[in-house]
């Protein structure tokens, strides 16, 4: 319940986000049979919008930090300690979920690679 008050932020690590854009471009190239020129344009568009998303994530993080500070300020010292523990646990859970999502993406890539090999044989 406290986690809801902690200012939930969806994970968007810069490296992971760039990997996602690359995978998206690869997927579109394969599925839509994009030309080299189209692929370059898709990559450029992806980079442009990734930069916009990163700006928004920074704003969201700042808003969440501000919200957490205001909530924390109205709590008793005992409540602050519990709140800090909840925030820390939530951030750790988010990091683990982010890592699991990355592992799932890697597994999906391996499956696609195997399917591609089978289809070409």
PDB file of N, CA and C in Angstrom:
ATOM      1  N   UNK A   1       0.821  -1.187   0.000  1.00  0.00           N
ATOM      2  CA  UNK A   1       0.000   0.000   0.000  1.00  0.00           C
ATOM      3  C   UNK A   1       0.866   1.253   0.000  1.00  0.00           C
ATOM      4  N   UNK A   2       1.914   1.268   0.811  1.00  0.00           N
ATOM      5  CA  UNK A   2       2.807   2.419   0.805  1.00  0.00           C
ATOM      6  C   UNK A   2       3.489   2.576  -0.535  1.00  0.00           C
ATOM      7  N   UNK A   3       3.720   1.475  -1.203  1.00  0.00           N
ATOM      8  CA  UNK A   3       4.397   1.549  -2.503  1.00  0.00           C
ATOM      9  C   UNK A   3       3.622   2.440  -3.464  1.00  0.00           C
ATOM     10  N   UNK A   4       2.302   2.440  -3.367  1.00  0.00           N
ATOM     11  CA  UNK A   4       1.490   3.288  -4.232  1.00  0.00           C
ATOM     12  C   UNK A   4       1.776   4.758  -3.959  1.00  0.00           C
ATOM     13  N   UNK A   5       2.104   5.088  -2.724  1.00  0.00           N
ATOM     14  CA  UNK A   5       2.406   6.470  -2.365  1.00  0.00           C
ATOM     15  C   UNK A   5       3.847   6.838  -2.650  1.00  0.00           C
ATOM     16  N   UNK A   6       4.664   5.896  -3.006  1.00  0.00           N
ATOM     17  CA  UNK A   6       6.099   6.142  -3.186  1.00  0.00           C
ATOM     18  C   UNK A   6       6.418   6.761  -4.531  1.00  0.00           C
ATOM     19  N   UNK A   7       5.436   6.985  -5.378  1.00  0.00           N
ATOM     20  CA  UNK A   7       5.705   7.568  -6.675  1.00  0.00           C
ATOM     21  C   UNK A   7       6.242   6.546  -7.645  1.00  0.00           C
ATOM     22  N   UNK A   8       5.375   5.671  -8.109  1.00  0.00           N
ATOM     23  CA  UNK A   8       5.792   4.606  -9.008  1.00  0.00           C
ATOM     24  C   UNK A   8       6.371   5.192 -10.293  1.00  0.00           C
ATOM     25  N   UNK A   9       7.492   4.662 -10.690  1.00  0.00           N
ATOM     26  CA  UNK A   9       8.142   5.067 -11.936  1.00  0.00           C
ATOM     27  C   UNK A   9       8.394   3.807 -12.740  1.00  0.00           C
ATOM     28  N   UNK A  10       7.959   3.821 -13.980  1.00  0.00           N
ATOM     29  CA  UNK A  10       8.256   2.695 -14.853  1.00  0.00           C
ATOM     30  C   UNK A  10       9.723   2.749 -15.208  1.00  0.00           C
ATOM     31  N   UNK A  11      10.341   1.597 -15.378  1.00  0.00           N
ATOM     32  CA  UNK A  11      11.773   1.590 -15.639  1.00  0.00           C
ATOM     33  C   UNK A  11      12.045   1.951 -17.090  1.00  0.00           C
ATOM     34  N   UNK A  12      13.051   2.750 -17.240  1.00  0.00           N
ATOM     35  CA  UNK A  12      13.457   3.135 -18.579  1.00  0.00           C
ATOM     36  C   UNK A  12      14.940   3.448 -18.569  1.00  0.00           C
ATOM     37  N   UNK A  13      15.732   2.445 -18.330  1.00  0.00           N
ATOM     38  CA  UNK A  13      17.169   2.646 -18.320  1.00  0.00           C
ATOM     39  C   UNK A  13      17.642   3.026 -19.699  1.00  0.00           C
ATOM     40  N   UNK A  14      18.560   3.947 -19.767  1.00  0.00           N
ATOM     41  CA  UNK A  14      19.016   4.475 -21.042  1.00  0.00           C
ATOM     42  C   UNK A  14      19.550   3.382 -21.955  1.00  0.00           C
ATOM     43  N   UNK A  15      20.423   2.523 -21.436  1.00  0.00           N
ATOM     44  CA  UNK A  15      20.988   1.461 -22.275  1.00  0.00           C
ATOM     45  C   UNK A  15      19.892   0.518 -22.740  1.00  0.00           C
ATOM     46  N   UNK A  16      19.010   0.147 -21.835  1.00  0.00           N
ATOM     47  CA  UNK A  16      17.918  -0.757 -22.177  1.00  0.00           C
ATOM     48  C   UNK A  16      16.993  -0.132 -23.213  1.00  0.00           C
ATOM     49  N   UNK A  17      16.733   1.131 -23.063  1.00  0.00           N
ATOM     50  CA  UNK A  17      15.846   1.817 -24.001  1.00  0.00           C
ATOM     51  C   UNK A  17      16.474   1.844 -25.398  1.00  0.00           C
ATOM     52  N   UNK A  18      17.776   2.083 -25.463  1.00  0.00           N
ATOM     53  CA  UNK A  18      18.441   2.086 -26.764  1.00  0.00           C
ATOM     54  C   UNK A  18      18.443   0.690 -27.375  1.00  0.00           C
ATOM     55  N   UNK A  19      18.606  -0.332 -26.544  1.00  0.00           N
ATOM     56  CA  UNK A  19      18.530  -1.703 -27.041  1.00  0.00           C
ATOM     57  C   UNK A  19      17.147  -1.974 -27.620  1.00  0.00           C
ATOM     58  N   UNK A  20      16.122  -1.487 -26.919  1.00  0.00           N
ATOM     59  CA  UNK A  20      14.747  -1.678 -27.383  1.00  0.00           C
ATOM     60  C   UNK A  20      14.561  -1.041 -28.755  1.00  0.00           C
ATOM     61  N   UNK A  21      15.073   0.175 -28.932  1.00  0.00           N
ATOM     62  CA  UNK A  21      14.934   0.851 -30.218  1.00  0.00           C
ATOM     63  C   UNK A  21      15.618   0.049 -31.322  1.00  0.00           C
ATOM     64  N   UNK A  22      16.806  -0.500 -31.030  1.00  0.00           N
ATOM     65  CA  UNK A  22      17.506  -1.305 -32.023  1.00  0.00           C
ATOM     66  C   UNK A  22      16.733  -2.556 -32.396  1.00  0.00           C
ATOM     67  N   UNK A  23      16.159  -3.213 -31.380  1.00  0.00           N
ATOM     68  CA  UNK A  23      15.366  -4.414 -31.627  1.00  0.00           C
ATOM     69  C   UNK A  23      14.115  -4.082 -32.435  1.00  0.00           C
ATOM     70  N   UNK A  24      13.521  -2.942 -32.122  1.00  0.00           N
ATOM     71  CA  UNK A  24      12.324  -2.526 -32.851  1.00  0.00           C
ATOM     72  C   UNK A  24      12.670  -2.318 -34.322  1.00  0.00           C
ATOM     73  N   UNK A  25      13.771  -1.643 -34.569  1.00  0.00           N
ATOM     74  CA  UNK A  25      14.202  -1.388 -35.936  1.00  0.00           C
ATOM     75  C   UNK A  25      14.483  -2.696 -36.676  1.00  0.00           C
ATOM     76  N   UNK A  26      15.172  -3.623 -35.999  1.00  0.00           N
ATOM     77  CA  UNK A  26      15.446  -4.932 -36.604  1.00  0.00           C
ATOM     78  C   UNK A  26      14.145  -5.657 -36.937  1.00  0.00           C
ATOM     79  N   UNK A  27      13.213  -5.628 -35.998  1.00  0.00           N
ATOM     80  CA  UNK A  27      11.935  -6.317 -36.195  1.00  0.00           C
ATOM     81  C   UNK A  27      11.179  -5.719 -37.388  1.00  0.00           C
ATOM     82  N   UNK A  28      11.110  -4.385 -37.437  1.00  0.00           N
ATOM     83  CA  UNK A  28      10.396  -3.744 -38.546  1.00  0.00           C
ATOM     84  C   UNK A  28      11.086  -4.022 -39.874  1.00  0.00           C
ATOM     85  N   UNK A  29      12.408  -4.017 -39.874  1.00  0.00           N
ATOM     86  CA  UNK A  29      13.155  -4.299 -41.099  1.00  0.00           C
ATOM     87  C   UNK A  29      12.821  -5.691 -41.615  1.00  0.00           C
ATOM     88  N   UNK A  30      12.799  -6.646 -40.700  1.00  0.00           N
ATOM     89  CA  UNK A  30      12.529  -8.035 -41.079  1.00  0.00           C
ATOM     90  C   UNK A  30      11.079  -8.222 -41.521  1.00  0.00           C
ATOM     91  N   UNK A  31      10.150  -7.765 -40.693  1.00  0.00           N
ATOM     92  CA  UNK A  31       8.732  -8.024 -40.954  1.00  0.00           C
ATOM     93  C   UNK A  31       8.184  -7.219 -42.122  1.00  0.00           C
ATOM     94  N   UNK A  32       8.683  -5.986 -42.290  1.00  0.00           N
ATOM     95  CA  UNK A  32       8.154  -5.115 -43.344  1.00  0.00           C
ATOM     96  C   UNK A  32       9.074  -5.048 -44.558  1.00  0.00           C
ATOM     97  N   UNK A  33      10.212  -5.750 -44.448  1.00  0.00           N
ATOM     98  CA  UNK A  33      11.194  -5.749 -45.525  1.00  0.00           C
ATOM     99  C   UNK A  33      11.564  -4.306 -45.906  1.00  0.00           C
ATOM    100  N   UNK A  34      11.999  -3.554 -44.878  1.00  0.00           N
ATOM    101  CA  UNK A  34      12.384  -2.168 -45.103  1.00  0.00           C
ATOM    102  C   UNK A  34      13.640  -2.091 -45.948  1.00  0.00           C
ATOM    103  N   UNK A  35      13.713  -1.047 -46.763  1.00  0.00           N
ATOM    104  CA  UNK A  35      14.931  -0.781 -47.511  1.00  0.00           C
ATOM    105  C   UNK A  35      15.961  -0.206 -46.536  1.00  0.00           C
ATOM    106  N   UNK A  36      17.221  -0.123 -46.981  1.00  0.00           N
ATOM    107  CA  UNK A  36      18.262   0.470 -46.142  1.00  0.00           C
ATOM    108  C   UNK A  36      17.905   1.916 -45.787  1.00  0.00           C
ATOM    109  N   UNK A  37      17.353   2.632 -46.752  1.00  0.00           N
ATOM    110  CA  UNK A  37      16.978   4.024 -46.506  1.00  0.00           C
ATOM    111  C   UNK A  37      15.849   4.107 -45.467  1.00  0.00           C
ATOM    112  N   UNK A  38      14.851   3.237 -45.603  1.00  0.00           N
ATOM    113  CA  UNK A  38      13.758   3.220 -44.627  1.00  0.00           C
ATOM    114  C   UNK A  38      14.269   2.867 -43.235  1.00  0.00           C
ATOM    115  N   UNK A  39      15.154   1.890 -43.167  1.00  0.00           N
ATOM    116  CA  UNK A  39      15.716   1.481 -41.874  1.00  0.00           C
ATOM    117  C   UNK A  39      16.451   2.648 -41.232  1.00  0.00           C
ATOM    118  N   UNK A  40      17.236   3.372 -42.015  1.00  0.00           N
ATOM    119  CA  UNK A  40      17.963   4.530 -41.484  1.00  0.00           C
ATOM    120  C   UNK A  40      16.985   5.588 -40.965  1.00  0.00           C
ATOM    121  N   UNK A  41      15.885   5.782 -41.678  1.00  0.00           N
ATOM    122  CA  UNK A  41      14.893   6.763 -41.245  1.00  0.00           C
ATOM    123  C   UNK A  41      14.177   6.294 -39.976  1.00  0.00           C
ATOM    124  N   UNK A  42      13.862   5.010 -39.909  1.00  0.00           N
ATOM    125  CA  UNK A  42      13.237   4.455 -38.708  1.00  0.00           C
ATOM    126  C   UNK A  42      14.187   4.615 -37.518  1.00  0.00           C
ATOM    127  N   UNK A  43      15.466   4.346 -37.717  1.00  0.00           N
ATOM    128  CA  UNK A  43      16.453   4.514 -36.648  1.00  0.00           C
ATOM    129  C   UNK A  43      16.499   5.966 -36.174  1.00  0.00           C
ATOM    130  N   UNK A  44      16.495   6.889 -37.124  1.00  0.00           N
ATOM    131  CA  UNK A  44      16.555   8.314 -36.786  1.00  0.00           C
ATOM    132  C   UNK A  44      15.312   8.729 -35.994  1.00  0.00           C
ATOM    133  N   UNK A  45      14.146   8.293 -36.433  1.00  0.00           N
ATOM    134  CA  UNK A  45      12.897   8.602 -35.725  1.00  0.00           C
ATOM    135  C   UNK A  45      12.939   8.017 -34.320  1.00  0.00           C
ATOM    136  N   UNK A  46      13.409   6.776 -34.213  1.00  0.00           N
ATOM    137  CA  UNK A  46      13.502   6.129 -32.902  1.00  0.00           C
ATOM    138  C   UNK A  46      14.402   6.903 -31.952  1.00  0.00           C
ATOM    139  N   UNK A  47      15.531   7.385 -32.453  1.00  0.00           N
ATOM    140  CA  UNK A  47      16.456   8.157 -31.618  1.00  0.00           C
ATOM    141  C   UNK A  47      15.823   9.475 -31.172  1.00  0.00           C
ATOM    142  N   UNK A  48      15.104  10.113 -32.090  1.00  0.00           N
ATOM    143  CA  UNK A  48      14.443  11.383 -31.765  1.00  0.00           C
ATOM    144  C   UNK A  48      13.424  11.193 -30.637  1.00  0.00           C
ATOM    145  N   UNK A  49      12.618  10.158 -30.763  1.00  0.00           N
ATOM    146  CA  UNK A  49      11.576   9.943 -29.764  1.00  0.00           C
ATOM    147  C   UNK A  49      12.137   9.360 -28.476  1.00  0.00           C
ATOM    148  N   UNK A  50      13.246   8.631 -28.570  1.00  0.00           N
ATOM    149  CA  UNK A  50      13.886   8.141 -27.350  1.00  0.00           C
ATOM    150  C   UNK A  50      14.388   9.308 -26.518  1.00  0.00           C
ATOM    151  N   UNK A  51      14.949  10.300 -27.160  1.00  0.00           N
ATOM    152  CA  UNK A  51      15.424  11.491 -26.444  1.00  0.00           C
ATOM    153  C   UNK A  51      14.251  12.180 -25.747  1.00  0.00           C
ATOM    154  N   UNK A  52      13.107  12.241 -26.407  1.00  0.00           N
ATOM    155  CA  UNK A  52      11.919  12.849 -25.785  1.00  0.00           C
ATOM    156  C   UNK A  52      11.463  12.034 -24.585  1.00  0.00           C
ATOM    157  N   UNK A  53      11.474  10.693 -24.729  1.00  0.00           N
ATOM    158  CA  UNK A  53      11.065   9.834 -23.609  1.00  0.00           C
ATOM    159  C   UNK A  53      12.003  10.006 -22.417  1.00  0.00           C
ATOM    160  N   UNK A  54      13.306  10.105 -22.693  1.00  0.00           N
ATOM    161  CA  UNK A  54      14.273  10.271 -21.606  1.00  0.00           C
ATOM    162  C   UNK A  54      14.025  11.575 -20.851  1.00  0.00           C
ATOM    163  N   UNK A  55      13.670  12.640 -21.571  1.00  0.00           N
ATOM    164  CA  UNK A  55      13.347  13.912 -20.915  1.00  0.00           C
ATOM    165  C   UNK A  55      12.134  13.751 -20.009  1.00  0.00           C
ATOM    166  N   UNK A  56      11.136  13.052 -20.496  1.00  0.00           N
ATOM    167  CA  UNK A  56       9.917  12.837 -19.711  1.00  0.00           C
ATOM    168  C   UNK A  56      10.221  12.005 -18.477  1.00  0.00           C
ATOM    169  N   UNK A  57      11.055  10.959 -18.623  1.00  0.00           N
ATOM    170  CA  UNK A  57      11.399  10.122 -17.463  1.00  0.00           C
ATOM    171  C   UNK A  57      12.100  10.936 -16.386  1.00  0.00           C
ATOM    172  N   UNK A  58      12.979  11.851 -16.810  1.00  0.00           N
ATOM    173  CA  UNK A  58      13.661  12.705 -15.832  1.00  0.00           C
ATOM    174  C   UNK A  58      12.650  13.577 -15.090  1.00  0.00           C
ATOM    175  N   UNK A  59      11.650  14.079 -15.816  1.00  0.00           N
ATOM    176  CA  UNK A  59      10.605  14.885 -15.181  1.00  0.00           C
ATOM    177  C   UNK A  59       9.789  14.038 -14.202  1.00  0.00           C
ATOM    178  N   UNK A  60       9.463  12.827 -14.607  1.00  0.00           N
ATOM    179  CA  UNK A  60       8.688  11.940 -13.737  1.00  0.00           C
ATOM    180  C   UNK A  60       9.476  11.631 -12.469  1.00  0.00           C
ATOM    181  N   UNK A  61      10.760  11.334 -12.617  1.00  0.00           N
ATOM    182  CA  UNK A  61      11.589  11.044 -11.446  1.00  0.00           C
ATOM    183  C   UNK A  61      11.644  12.243 -10.502  1.00  0.00           C
ATOM    184  N   UNK A  62      11.758  13.452 -11.051  1.00  0.00           N
ATOM    185  CA  UNK A  62      11.792  14.658 -10.218  1.00  0.00           C
ATOM    186  C   UNK A  62      10.459  14.846  -9.490  1.00  0.00           C
ATOM    187  N   UNK A  63       9.361  14.601 -10.181  1.00  0.00           N
ATOM    188  CA  UNK A  63       8.031  14.708  -9.565  1.00  0.00           C
ATOM    189  C   UNK A  63       7.890  13.686  -8.446  1.00  0.00           C
ATOM    190  N   UNK A  64       8.331  12.464  -8.697  1.00  0.00           N
ATOM    191  CA  UNK A  64       8.245  11.417  -7.673  1.00  0.00           C
ATOM    192  C   UNK A  64       9.098  11.760  -6.456  1.00  0.00           C
ATOM    193  N   UNK A  65      10.298  12.289  -6.693  1.00  0.00           N
ATOM    194  CA  UNK A  65      11.160  12.686  -5.580  1.00  0.00           C
ATOM    195  C   UNK A  65      10.497  13.783  -4.748  1.00  0.00           C
ATOM    196  N   UNK A  66       9.895  14.733  -5.434  1.00  0.00           N
ATOM    197  CA  UNK A  66       9.195  15.829  -4.741  1.00  0.00           C
ATOM    198  C   UNK A  66       8.020  15.290  -3.930  1.00  0.00           C
ATOM    199  N   UNK A  67       7.255  14.394  -4.539  1.00  0.00           N
ATOM    200  CA  UNK A  67       6.112  13.791  -3.854  1.00  0.00           C
ATOM    201  C   UNK A  67       6.575  13.021  -2.609  1.00  0.00           C
ATOM    202  N   UNK A  68       7.611  12.212  -2.775  1.00  0.00           N
ATOM    203  CA  UNK A  68       8.124  11.435  -1.646  1.00  0.00           C
ATOM    204  C   UNK A  68       8.595  12.343  -0.516  1.00  0.00           C
ATOM    205  N   UNK A  69       9.261  13.439  -0.870  1.00  0.00           N
ATOM    206  CA  UNK A  69       9.753  14.369   0.156  1.00  0.00           C
ATOM    207  C   UNK A  69       8.589  14.994   0.928  1.00  0.00           C
ATOM    208  N   UNK A  70       7.526  15.358   0.226  1.00  0.00           N
ATOM    209  CA  UNK A  70       6.360  15.963   0.897  1.00  0.00           C
ATOM    210  C   UNK A  70       5.673  14.955   1.810  1.00  0.00           C
ATOM    211  N   UNK A  71       5.527  13.727   1.331  1.00  0.00           N
ATOM    212  CA  UNK A  71       4.899  12.690   2.162  1.00  0.00           C
ATOM    213  C   UNK A  71       5.766  12.435   3.378  1.00  0.00           C
ATOM    214  N   UNK A  72       7.051  12.292   3.158  1.00  0.00           N
ATOM    215  CA  UNK A  72       7.981  11.994   4.250  1.00  0.00           C
ATOM    216  C   UNK A  72       7.960  13.094   5.308  1.00  0.00           C
ATOM    217  N   UNK A  73       7.831  14.358   4.871  1.00  0.00           N
ATOM    218  CA  UNK A  73       7.859  15.493   5.784  1.00  0.00           C
ATOM    219  C   UNK A  73       6.693  15.489   6.778  1.00  0.00           C
ATOM    220  N   UNK A  74       5.580  14.884   6.416  1.00  0.00           N
ATOM    221  CA  UNK A  74       4.435  14.881   7.324  1.00  0.00           C
ATOM    222  C   UNK A  74       4.401  13.667   8.253  1.00  0.00           C
ATOM    223  N   UNK A  75       5.346  12.763   8.080  1.00  0.00           N
ATOM    224  CA  UNK A  75       5.381  11.548   8.886  1.00  0.00           C
ATOM    225  C   UNK A  75       6.189  11.742  10.168  1.00  0.00           C
ATOM    226  N   UNK A  76       5.876  10.918  11.169  1.00  0.00           N
ATOM    227  CA  UNK A  76       6.674  10.893  12.393  1.00  0.00           C
ATOM    228  C   UNK A  76       8.006  10.222  12.080  1.00  0.00           C
ATOM    229  N   UNK A  77       9.012  10.377  12.938  1.00  0.00           N
ATOM    230  CA  UNK A  77      10.301   9.708  12.676  1.00  0.00           C
ATOM    231  C   UNK A  77      10.152   8.193  12.491  1.00  0.00           C
ATOM    232  N   UNK A  78       9.290   7.567  13.276  1.00  0.00           N
ATOM    233  CA  UNK A  78       9.077   6.119  13.124  1.00  0.00           C
ATOM    234  C   UNK A  78       8.443   5.801  11.779  1.00  0.00           C
ATOM    235  N   UNK A  79       7.477   6.617  11.375  1.00  0.00           N
ATOM    236  CA  UNK A  79       6.822   6.410  10.084  1.00  0.00           C
ATOM    237  C   UNK A  79       7.799   6.672   8.935  1.00  0.00           C
ATOM    238  N   UNK A  80       8.654   7.677   9.102  1.00  0.00           N
ATOM    239  CA  UNK A  80       9.645   7.975   8.073  1.00  0.00           C
ATOM    240  C   UNK A  80      10.569   6.786   7.846  1.00  0.00           C
ATOM    241  N   UNK A  81      10.976   6.167   8.940  1.00  0.00           N
ATOM    242  CA  UNK A  81      11.856   5.005   8.826  1.00  0.00           C
ATOM    243  C   UNK A  81      11.164   3.892   8.043  1.00  0.00           C
ATOM    244  N   UNK A  82       9.920   3.617   8.384  1.00  0.00           N
ATOM    245  CA  UNK A  82       9.150   2.576   7.686  1.00  0.00           C
ATOM    246  C   UNK A  82       8.945   2.974   6.211  1.00  0.00           C
ATOM    247  N   UNK A  83       8.628   4.235   5.985  1.00  0.00           N
ATOM    248  CA  UNK A  83       8.420   4.734   4.629  1.00  0.00           C
ATOM    249  C   UNK A  83       9.695   4.563   3.801  1.00  0.00           C
ATOM    250  N   UNK A  84      10.842   4.944   4.398  1.00  0.00           N
ATOM    251  CA  UNK A  84      12.123   4.799   3.698  1.00  0.00           C
ATOM    252  C   UNK A  84      12.390   3.342   3.332  1.00  0.00           C
ATOM    253  N   UNK A  85      12.049   2.435   4.233  1.00  0.00           N
ATOM    254  CA  UNK A  85      12.219   1.000   3.961  1.00  0.00           C
ATOM    255  C   UNK A  85      11.311   0.564   2.811  1.00  0.00           C
ATOM    256  N   UNK A  86      10.078   1.062   2.820  1.00  0.00           N
ATOM    257  CA  UNK A  86       9.137   0.726   1.742  1.00  0.00           C
ATOM    258  C   UNK A  86       9.635   1.244   0.393  1.00  0.00           C
ATOM    259  N   UNK A  87      10.122   2.465   0.381  1.00  0.00           N
ATOM    260  CA  UNK A  87      10.638   3.047  -0.857  1.00  0.00           C
ATOM    261  C   UNK A  87      11.833   2.237  -1.361  1.00  0.00           C
ATOM    262  N   UNK A  88      12.742   1.897  -0.447  1.00  0.00           N
ATOM    263  CA  UNK A  88      13.917   1.114  -0.824  1.00  0.00           C
ATOM    264  C   UNK A  88      13.499  -0.250  -1.384  1.00  0.00           C
ATOM    265  N   UNK A  89      12.561  -0.920  -0.711  1.00  0.00           N
ATOM    266  CA  UNK A  89      12.092  -2.231  -1.170  1.00  0.00           C
ATOM    267  C   UNK A  89      11.438  -2.117  -2.543  1.00  0.00           C
ATOM    268  N   UNK A  90      10.667  -1.067  -2.737  1.00  0.00           N
ATOM    269  CA  UNK A  90       9.995  -0.877  -4.019  1.00  0.00           C
ATOM    270  C   UNK A  90      11.029  -0.679  -5.130  1.00  0.00           C
ATOM    271  N   UNK A  91      12.059   0.136  -4.846  1.00  0.00           N
ATOM    272  CA  UNK A  91      13.080   0.378  -5.864  1.00  0.00           C
ATOM    273  C   UNK A  91      13.847  -0.897  -6.200  1.00  0.00           C
ATOM    274  N   UNK A  92      14.126  -1.718  -5.189  1.00  0.00           N
ATOM    275  CA  UNK A  92      14.806  -2.992  -5.431  1.00  0.00           C
ATOM    276  C   UNK A  92      13.931  -3.924  -6.254  1.00  0.00           C
ATOM    277  N   UNK A  93      12.652  -3.951  -5.938  1.00  0.00           N
ATOM    278  CA  UNK A  93      11.713  -4.795  -6.689  1.00  0.00           C
ATOM    279  C   UNK A  93      11.641  -4.325  -8.143  1.00  0.00           C
ATOM    280  N   UNK A  94      11.603  -3.011  -8.341  1.00  0.00           N
ATOM    281  CA  UNK A  94      11.565  -2.444  -9.687  1.00  0.00           C
ATOM    282  C   UNK A  94      12.815  -2.834 -10.465  1.00  0.00           C
ATOM    283  N   UNK A  95      13.971  -2.759  -9.808  1.00  0.00           N
ATOM    284  CA  UNK A  95      15.230  -3.112 -10.476  1.00  0.00           C
ATOM    285  C   UNK A  95      15.240  -4.586 -10.882  1.00  0.00           C
ATOM    286  N   UNK A  96      14.746  -5.463  -9.997  1.00  0.00           N
ATOM    287  CA  UNK A  96      14.682  -6.889 -10.318  1.00  0.00           C
ATOM    288  C   UNK A  96      13.721  -7.144 -11.474  1.00  0.00           C
ATOM    289  N   UNK A  97      12.583  -6.456 -11.461  1.00  0.00           N
ATOM    290  CA  UNK A  97      11.600  -6.622 -12.525  1.00  0.00           C
ATOM    291  C   UNK A  97      12.193  -6.153 -13.855  1.00  0.00           C
ATOM    292  N   UNK A  98      12.943  -5.055 -13.808  1.00  0.00           N
ATOM    293  CA  UNK A  98      13.585  -4.537 -15.007  1.00  0.00           C
ATOM    294  C   UNK A  98      14.598  -5.540 -15.551  1.00  0.00           C
ATOM    295  N   UNK A  99      15.371  -6.137 -14.662  1.00  0.00           N
ATOM    296  CA  UNK A  99      16.366  -7.140 -15.073  1.00  0.00           C
ATOM    297  C   UNK A  99      15.674  -8.370 -15.655  1.00  0.00           C
ATOM    298  N   UNK A 100      14.564  -8.785 -15.041  1.00  0.00           N
ATOM    299  CA  UNK A 100      13.816  -9.939 -15.545  1.00  0.00           C
ATOM    300  C   UNK A 100      13.247  -9.643 -16.923  1.00  0.00           C
ATOM    301  N   UNK A 101      12.751  -8.423 -17.131  1.00  0.00           N
ATOM    302  CA  UNK A 101      12.228  -8.037 -18.439  1.00  0.00           C
ATOM    303  C   UNK A 101      13.331  -8.097 -19.490  1.00  0.00           C
ATOM    304  N   UNK A 102      14.528  -7.652 -19.115  1.00  0.00           N
ATOM    305  CA  UNK A 102      15.658  -7.685 -20.048  1.00  0.00           C
ATOM    306  C   UNK A 102      16.015  -9.123 -20.387  1.00  0.00           C
ATOM    307  N   UNK A 103      16.014 -10.003 -19.373  1.00  0.00           N
ATOM    308  CA  UNK A 103      16.301 -11.421 -19.611  1.00  0.00           C
ATOM    309  C   UNK A 103      15.252 -12.038 -20.526  1.00  0.00           C
ATOM    310  N   UNK A 104      13.976 -11.665 -20.334  1.00  0.00           N
ATOM    311  CA  UNK A 104      12.907 -12.177 -21.186  1.00  0.00           C
ATOM    312  C   UNK A 104      13.122 -11.742 -22.632  1.00  0.00           C
ATOM    313  N   UNK A 105      13.552 -10.487 -22.818  1.00  0.00           N
ATOM    314  CA  UNK A 105      13.833 -10.002 -24.172  1.00  0.00           C
ATOM    315  C   UNK A 105      14.951 -10.806 -24.811  1.00  0.00           C
ATOM    316  N   UNK A 106      16.004 -11.106 -24.032  1.00  0.00           N
ATOM    317  CA  UNK A 106      17.118 -11.895 -24.543  1.00  0.00           C
ATOM    318  C   UNK A 106      16.652 -13.300 -24.918  1.00  0.00           C
ATOM    319  N   UNK A 107      15.787 -13.906 -24.082  1.00  0.00           N
ATOM    320  CA  UNK A 107      15.240 -15.232 -24.380  1.00  0.00           C
ATOM    321  C   UNK A 107      14.404 -15.196 -25.655  1.00  0.00           C
ATOM    322  N   UNK A 108      13.596 -14.146 -25.815  1.00  0.00           N
ATOM    323  CA  UNK A 108      12.779 -14.007 -27.015  1.00  0.00           C
ATOM    324  C   UNK A 108      13.652 -13.890 -28.258  1.00  0.00           C
ATOM    325  N   UNK A 109      14.764 -13.154 -28.142  1.00  0.00           N
ATOM    326  CA  UNK A 109      15.684 -13.012 -29.271  1.00  0.00           C
ATOM    327  C   UNK A 109      16.279 -14.358 -29.656  1.00  0.00           C
ATOM    328  N   UNK A 110      16.653 -15.154 -28.675  1.00  0.00           N
ATOM    329  CA  UNK A 110      17.226 -16.472 -28.944  1.00  0.00           C
ATOM    330  C   UNK A 110      16.199 -17.369 -29.631  1.00  0.00           C
ATOM    331  N   UNK A 111      14.955 -17.331 -29.179  1.00  0.00           N
ATOM    332  CA  UNK A 111      13.896 -18.128 -29.797  1.00  0.00           C
ATOM    333  C   UNK A 111      13.682 -17.704 -31.245  1.00  0.00           C
ATOM    334  N   UNK A 112      13.656 -16.380 -31.482  1.00  0.00           N
ATOM    335  CA  UNK A 112      13.470 -15.894 -32.849  1.00  0.00           C
ATOM    336  C   UNK A 112      14.617 -16.337 -33.742  1.00  0.00           C
ATOM    337  N   UNK A 113      15.836 -16.298 -33.208  1.00  0.00           N
ATOM    338  CA  UNK A 113      17.004 -16.702 -33.980  1.00  0.00           C
ATOM    339  C   UNK A 113      16.886 -18.181 -34.371  1.00  0.00           C
ATOM    340  N   UNK A 114      16.476 -19.036 -33.442  1.00  0.00           N
ATOM    341  CA  UNK A 114      16.303 -20.461 -33.736  1.00  0.00           C
ATOM    342  C   UNK A 114      15.232 -20.670 -34.791  1.00  0.00           C
ATOM    343  N   UNK A 115      14.118 -19.908 -34.667  1.00  0.00           N
ATOM    344  CA  UNK A 115      13.031 -20.040 -35.645  1.00  0.00           C
ATOM    345  C   UNK A 115      13.505 -19.597 -37.024  1.00  0.00           C
ATOM    346  N   UNK A 116      14.291 -18.529 -37.065  1.00  0.00           N
ATOM    347  CA  UNK A 116      14.822 -18.045 -38.342  1.00  0.00           C
ATOM    348  C   UNK A 116      15.719 -19.081 -38.989  1.00  0.00           C
ATOM    349  N   UNK A 117      16.559 -19.744 -38.180  1.00  0.00           N
ATOM    350  CA  UNK A 117      17.459 -20.772 -38.705  1.00  0.00           C
ATOM    351  C   UNK A 117      16.665 -21.934 -39.272  1.00  0.00           C
ATOM    352  N   UNK A 118      15.596 -22.353 -38.529  1.00  0.00           N
ATOM    353  CA  UNK A 118      14.768 -23.466 -39.002  1.00  0.00           C
ATOM    354  C   UNK A 118      14.077 -23.109 -40.310  1.00  0.00           C
ATOM    355  N   UNK A 119      13.585 -21.878 -40.383  1.00  0.00           N
ATOM    356  CA  UNK A 119      12.859 -21.455 -41.585  1.00  0.00           C
ATOM    357  C   UNK A 119      13.776 -21.375 -42.793  1.00  0.00           C
ATOM    358  N   UNK A 120      15.048 -21.050 -42.571  1.00  0.00           N
ATOM    359  CA  UNK A 120      15.971 -20.929 -43.707  1.00  0.00           C
ATOM    360  C   UNK A 120      16.505 -22.279 -44.166  1.00  0.00           C
ATOM    361  N   UNK A 121      16.348 -23.314 -43.338  1.00  0.00           N
ATOM    362  CA  UNK A 121      16.841 -24.660 -43.725  1.00  0.00           C
ATOM    363  C   UNK A 121      15.843 -25.430 -44.509  1.00  0.00           C
TER     364      UNK A 121
END
